[in-house]
Amino acid sequence: MADAKTDFGTNLPNKLAADPEKAKSVGAVFVFKVTGDNGGVWTMNLKDNPGVTVGDAGNADCTLELSDESWQQISASPGSAMALYFQGKLKVSGNAMLATKLQTILA
């Protein structure tokens, strides 16, 4: 099971590069703040220039805060995000409805 550093450093950038039009269809910029040993902060642009950059680029439409353990659950099963949200293990700020569109990229 991939950790957040592997997903944001390699897996997700490769997935976005393989189908940039699918990424652009989400139409939002997300910031992920992942805590834990394999955590970090990443900006995922799914709007005009699909890709992942390290750090908070400051232009997020939606910010997600979670642990690396919770990220691994979402990575393995994107549908688990809603349960994690209701358990208080995933915090969403900004336009929370955009977060539901992430499943198209993560699945």
N, C-alpha and C. Protein backbone atom coordinates (compact mmCIF):
# COMPACT_ATOMS: atom_id res chain seq x y z
N MET A 1 0.85 -1.19 0.00
CA MET A 1 0.00 0.00 0.00
C MET A 1 0.89 1.24 0.00
N ALA A 2 0.66 2.13 -0.93
CA ALA A 2 1.49 3.31 -1.07
C ALA A 2 1.20 4.33 0.04
N ASP A 3 2.26 5.01 0.47
CA ASP A 3 2.08 6.08 1.44
C ASP A 3 1.91 7.40 0.68
N ALA A 4 1.63 8.46 1.43
CA ALA A 4 1.35 9.75 0.80
C ALA A 4 2.55 10.25 -0.01
N LYS A 5 3.77 10.10 0.52
CA LYS A 5 4.95 10.59 -0.22
C LYS A 5 5.08 9.90 -1.57
N THR A 6 4.85 8.61 -1.62
CA THR A 6 4.94 7.87 -2.87
C THR A 6 3.82 8.28 -3.82
N ASP A 7 2.60 8.38 -3.29
CA ASP A 7 1.47 8.76 -4.14
C ASP A 7 1.64 10.16 -4.73
N PHE A 8 1.97 11.13 -3.88
CA PHE A 8 2.07 12.51 -4.36
C PHE A 8 3.37 12.76 -5.12
N GLY A 9 4.40 11.98 -4.83
CA GLY A 9 5.68 12.16 -5.51
C GLY A 9 5.76 11.46 -6.85
N THR A 10 5.06 10.33 -7.00
CA THR A 10 5.19 9.52 -8.22
C THR A 10 3.85 9.11 -8.82
N ASN A 11 3.05 8.39 -8.04
CA ASN A 11 1.84 7.77 -8.59
C ASN A 11 0.83 8.77 -9.16
N LEU A 12 0.47 9.78 -8.38
CA LEU A 12 -0.53 10.75 -8.86
C LEU A 12 -0.01 11.61 -10.01
N PRO A 13 1.25 12.12 -9.95
CA PRO A 13 1.74 12.87 -11.11
C PRO A 13 1.72 12.05 -12.40
N ASN A 14 2.05 10.76 -12.30
CA ASN A 14 2.02 9.90 -13.48
C ASN A 14 0.60 9.73 -14.00
N LYS A 15 -0.34 9.56 -13.07
CA LYS A 15 -1.74 9.38 -13.45
C LYS A 15 -2.29 10.64 -14.13
N LEU A 16 -1.93 11.82 -13.59
CA LEU A 16 -2.40 13.08 -14.17
C LEU A 16 -1.78 13.31 -15.54
N ALA A 17 -0.51 12.98 -15.69
CA ALA A 17 0.18 13.15 -16.97
C ALA A 17 -0.40 12.23 -18.04
N ALA A 18 -0.87 11.06 -17.63
CA ALA A 18 -1.41 10.08 -18.58
C ALA A 18 -2.76 10.53 -19.15
N ASP A 19 -3.52 11.32 -18.40
CA ASP A 19 -4.84 11.75 -18.87
C ASP A 19 -5.15 13.16 -18.35
N PRO A 20 -4.44 14.18 -18.89
CA PRO A 20 -4.63 15.55 -18.38
C PRO A 20 -6.04 16.08 -18.58
N GLU A 21 -6.74 15.63 -19.62
CA GLU A 21 -8.11 16.12 -19.85
C GLU A 21 -9.06 15.62 -18.75
N LYS A 22 -8.86 14.39 -18.31
CA LYS A 22 -9.67 13.86 -17.21
C LYS A 22 -9.41 14.68 -15.95
N ALA A 23 -8.14 15.02 -15.72
CA ALA A 23 -7.79 15.83 -14.55
C ALA A 23 -8.45 17.21 -14.63
N LYS A 24 -8.38 17.83 -15.79
CA LYS A 24 -8.97 19.17 -15.97
C LYS A 24 -10.49 19.16 -15.78
N SER A 25 -11.12 18.01 -16.02
CA SER A 25 -12.58 17.93 -15.88
C SER A 25 -13.02 18.15 -14.44
N VAL A 26 -12.12 17.94 -13.47
CA VAL A 26 -12.45 18.20 -12.06
C VAL A 26 -12.55 19.71 -11.83
N GLY A 27 -11.65 20.47 -12.44
CA GLY A 27 -11.74 21.93 -12.42
C GLY A 27 -11.48 22.58 -11.08
N ALA A 28 -10.49 22.07 -10.34
CA ALA A 28 -10.21 22.66 -9.02
C ALA A 28 -8.75 22.43 -8.64
N VAL A 29 -8.29 23.23 -7.68
CA VAL A 29 -6.96 23.07 -7.10
C VAL A 29 -7.13 22.64 -5.65
N PHE A 30 -6.44 21.56 -5.27
CA PHE A 30 -6.53 21.00 -3.93
C PHE A 30 -5.19 21.09 -3.22
N VAL A 31 -5.25 21.34 -1.92
CA VAL A 31 -4.06 21.24 -1.08
C VAL A 31 -4.31 20.09 -0.11
N PHE A 32 -3.34 19.20 -0.03
CA PHE A 32 -3.38 18.07 0.89
C PHE A 32 -2.35 18.30 1.98
N LYS A 33 -2.81 18.29 3.22
CA LYS A 33 -1.92 18.42 4.38
C LYS A 33 -1.98 17.09 5.12
N VAL A 34 -0.92 16.30 4.94
CA VAL A 34 -0.89 14.94 5.47
C VAL A 34 0.11 14.89 6.62
N THR A 35 -0.35 14.43 7.78
CA THR A 35 0.52 14.32 8.95
C THR A 35 1.06 12.90 9.06
N GLY A 36 2.13 12.74 9.83
CA GLY A 36 2.71 11.43 10.04
C GLY A 36 4.07 11.31 9.40
N ASP A 37 4.70 10.16 9.57
CA ASP A 37 6.05 9.92 9.08
C ASP A 37 6.19 10.12 7.57
N ASN A 38 5.19 9.76 6.82
CA ASN A 38 5.25 9.89 5.37
C ASN A 38 4.35 11.01 4.87
N GLY A 39 4.12 11.97 5.74
CA GLY A 39 3.25 13.08 5.40
C GLY A 39 3.99 14.20 4.71
N GLY A 40 3.27 15.28 4.50
CA GLY A 40 3.80 16.46 3.85
C GLY A 40 2.65 17.32 3.37
N VAL A 41 2.98 18.34 2.61
CA VAL A 41 1.97 19.23 2.05
C VAL A 41 2.17 19.26 0.54
N TRP A 42 1.09 19.03 -0.19
CA TRP A 42 1.15 19.02 -1.65
C TRP A 42 -0.03 19.78 -2.23
N THR A 43 0.19 20.42 -3.37
CA THR A 43 -0.87 21.07 -4.12
C THR A 43 -1.11 20.25 -5.39
N MET A 44 -2.36 19.87 -5.61
CA MET A 44 -2.74 19.13 -6.81
C MET A 44 -3.61 20.03 -7.67
N ASN A 45 -3.08 20.41 -8.83
CA ASN A 45 -3.82 21.27 -9.76
C ASN A 45 -4.60 20.38 -10.71
N LEU A 46 -5.91 20.45 -10.62
CA LEU A 46 -6.80 19.73 -11.53
C LEU A 46 -7.65 20.74 -12.29
N LYS A 47 -7.02 21.87 -12.59
CA LYS A 47 -7.75 22.95 -13.24
C LYS A 47 -7.12 23.28 -14.58
N ASP A 48 -6.07 24.06 -14.59
CA ASP A 48 -5.51 24.56 -15.84
C ASP A 48 -4.18 23.91 -16.23
N ASN A 49 -3.44 23.41 -15.27
CA ASN A 49 -2.13 22.81 -15.54
C ASN A 49 -1.98 21.58 -14.66
N PRO A 50 -2.63 20.47 -15.00
CA PRO A 50 -2.67 19.30 -14.12
C PRO A 50 -1.28 18.84 -13.66
N GLY A 51 -1.18 18.66 -12.35
CA GLY A 51 0.07 18.19 -11.78
C GLY A 51 0.06 18.32 -10.28
N VAL A 52 1.15 17.85 -9.67
CA VAL A 52 1.31 17.90 -8.22
C VAL A 52 2.61 18.62 -7.91
N THR A 53 2.53 19.59 -7.00
CA THR A 53 3.74 20.29 -6.55
C THR A 53 3.85 20.17 -5.03
N VAL A 54 5.07 20.24 -4.55
CA VAL A 54 5.31 20.17 -3.11
C VAL A 54 4.98 21.53 -2.50
N GLY A 55 4.30 21.49 -1.36
CA GLY A 55 3.96 22.71 -0.64
C GLY A 55 2.58 23.22 -0.99
N ASP A 56 2.20 24.29 -0.32
CA ASP A 56 0.92 24.95 -0.53
C ASP A 56 1.13 26.09 -1.52
N ALA A 57 0.61 25.94 -2.73
CA ALA A 57 0.78 26.96 -3.77
C ALA A 57 -0.07 28.20 -3.51
N GLY A 58 -0.95 28.13 -2.51
CA GLY A 58 -1.72 29.30 -2.11
C GLY A 58 -2.94 29.60 -2.94
N ASN A 59 -3.32 28.71 -3.85
CA ASN A 59 -4.47 29.00 -4.72
C ASN A 59 -5.51 27.89 -4.65
N ALA A 60 -5.62 27.25 -3.47
CA ALA A 60 -6.50 26.09 -3.33
C ALA A 60 -7.97 26.48 -3.31
N ASP A 61 -8.76 25.67 -4.02
CA ASP A 61 -10.21 25.77 -3.94
C ASP A 61 -10.73 24.94 -2.77
N CYS A 62 -9.93 23.91 -2.40
CA CYS A 62 -10.32 22.98 -1.35
C CYS A 62 -9.06 22.45 -0.67
N THR A 63 -9.07 22.39 0.66
CA THR A 63 -7.93 21.87 1.42
C THR A 63 -8.39 20.67 2.22
N LEU A 64 -7.59 19.60 2.16
CA LEU A 64 -7.89 18.38 2.90
C LEU A 64 -6.77 18.11 3.89
N GLU A 65 -7.13 17.85 5.14
CA GLU A 65 -6.16 17.55 6.19
C GLU A 65 -6.46 16.17 6.75
N LEU A 66 -5.42 15.32 6.78
CA LEU A 66 -5.59 13.95 7.25
C LEU A 66 -4.24 13.34 7.59
N SER A 67 -4.27 12.19 8.23
CA SER A 67 -3.04 11.48 8.58
C SER A 67 -2.60 10.62 7.40
N ASP A 68 -1.34 10.21 7.43
CA ASP A 68 -0.85 9.32 6.38
C ASP A 68 -1.63 8.01 6.39
N GLU A 69 -2.00 7.54 7.57
CA GLU A 69 -2.78 6.31 7.70
C GLU A 69 -4.14 6.47 6.99
N SER A 70 -4.78 7.62 7.20
CA SER A 70 -6.07 7.87 6.54
C SER A 70 -5.88 8.00 5.03
N TRP A 71 -4.76 8.62 4.61
CA TRP A 71 -4.49 8.73 3.18
C TRP A 71 -4.37 7.34 2.56
N GLN A 72 -3.69 6.43 3.24
CA GLN A 72 -3.54 5.07 2.72
C GLN A 72 -4.90 4.41 2.54
N GLN A 73 -5.83 4.66 3.46
CA GLN A 73 -7.18 4.10 3.33
C GLN A 73 -7.87 4.67 2.09
N ILE A 74 -7.75 5.98 1.90
CA ILE A 74 -8.39 6.63 0.75
C ILE A 74 -7.74 6.16 -0.55
N SER A 75 -6.43 6.03 -0.54
CA SER A 75 -5.71 5.59 -1.72
C SER A 75 -6.14 4.19 -2.14
N ALA A 76 -6.32 3.32 -1.16
CA ALA A 76 -6.73 1.94 -1.44
C ALA A 76 -8.21 1.85 -1.81
N SER A 77 -9.02 2.72 -1.20
CA SER A 77 -10.46 2.68 -1.43
C SER A 77 -11.02 4.11 -1.38
N PRO A 78 -11.01 4.82 -2.53
CA PRO A 78 -11.44 6.22 -2.54
C PRO A 78 -12.82 6.46 -1.92
N GLY A 79 -13.67 5.46 -1.95
CA GLY A 79 -15.00 5.61 -1.37
C GLY A 79 -14.99 5.73 0.14
N SER A 80 -13.87 5.41 0.77
CA SER A 80 -13.78 5.47 2.24
C SER A 80 -13.64 6.90 2.76
N ALA A 81 -13.41 7.85 1.87
CA ALA A 81 -13.19 9.24 2.30
C ALA A 81 -14.37 9.80 3.08
N MET A 82 -15.58 9.50 2.64
CA MET A 82 -16.76 10.02 3.32
C MET A 82 -16.83 9.50 4.75
N ALA A 83 -16.55 8.21 4.94
CA ALA A 83 -16.57 7.65 6.29
C ALA A 83 -15.50 8.30 7.16
N LEU A 84 -14.31 8.52 6.60
CA LEU A 84 -13.24 9.17 7.36
C LEU A 84 -13.63 10.60 7.74
N TYR A 85 -14.33 11.28 6.83
CA TYR A 85 -14.80 12.63 7.11
C TYR A 85 -15.75 12.63 8.31
N PHE A 86 -16.70 11.72 8.29
CA PHE A 86 -17.68 11.67 9.38
C PHE A 86 -17.08 11.17 10.69
N GLN A 87 -15.96 10.46 10.62
CA GLN A 87 -15.25 10.01 11.82
C GLN A 87 -14.31 11.10 12.35
N GLY A 88 -14.22 12.21 11.64
CA GLY A 88 -13.34 13.30 12.06
C GLY A 88 -11.88 13.07 11.70
N LYS A 89 -11.61 12.09 10.86
CA LYS A 89 -10.23 11.78 10.46
C LYS A 89 -9.81 12.49 9.18
N LEU A 90 -10.76 13.14 8.54
CA LEU A 90 -10.50 13.92 7.33
C LEU A 90 -11.20 15.26 7.51
N LYS A 91 -10.41 16.34 7.48
CA LYS A 91 -10.97 17.68 7.59
C LYS A 91 -10.89 18.35 6.23
N VAL A 92 -12.00 18.96 5.84
CA VAL A 92 -12.08 19.61 4.53
C VAL A 92 -12.46 21.07 4.74
N SER A 93 -11.70 21.97 4.11
CA SER A 93 -12.05 23.39 4.17
C SER A 93 -12.07 23.94 2.74
N GLY A 94 -12.73 25.06 2.59
CA GLY A 94 -12.95 25.59 1.24
C GLY A 94 -14.21 24.97 0.67
N ASN A 95 -14.24 24.74 -0.61
CA ASN A 95 -15.41 24.16 -1.28
C ASN A 95 -15.40 22.65 -1.10
N ALA A 96 -16.07 22.17 -0.07
CA ALA A 96 -16.05 20.74 0.27
C ALA A 96 -16.69 19.88 -0.82
N MET A 97 -17.60 20.42 -1.58
CA MET A 97 -18.23 19.64 -2.65
C MET A 97 -17.22 19.22 -3.71
N LEU A 98 -16.17 20.02 -3.88
CA LEU A 98 -15.14 19.66 -4.86
C LEU A 98 -14.42 18.38 -4.46
N ALA A 99 -14.31 18.14 -3.17
CA ALA A 99 -13.61 16.94 -2.69
C ALA A 99 -14.27 15.66 -3.21
N THR A 100 -15.58 15.71 -3.43
CA THR A 100 -16.27 14.52 -3.93
C THR A 100 -15.84 14.18 -5.35
N LYS A 101 -15.33 15.16 -6.09
CA LYS A 101 -14.88 14.94 -7.45
C LYS A 101 -13.52 14.23 -7.51
N LEU A 102 -12.82 14.19 -6.39
CA LEU A 102 -11.48 13.57 -6.37
C LEU A 102 -11.54 12.07 -6.69
N GLN A 103 -12.66 11.44 -6.42
CA GLN A 103 -12.77 10.01 -6.69
C GLN A 103 -12.48 9.66 -8.13
N THR A 104 -12.81 10.56 -9.05
CA THR A 104 -12.56 10.29 -10.46
C THR A 104 -11.07 10.18 -10.76
N ILE A 105 -10.26 10.87 -9.97
CA ILE A 105 -8.81 10.84 -10.16
C ILE A 105 -8.17 9.71 -9.36
N LEU A 106 -8.64 9.50 -8.15
CA LEU A 106 -8.03 8.52 -7.26
C LEU A 106 -8.41 7.09 -7.57
N ALA A 107 -9.58 6.90 -8.16
CA ALA A 107 -10.06 5.53 -8.43
C ALA A 107 -9.24 4.85 -9.51
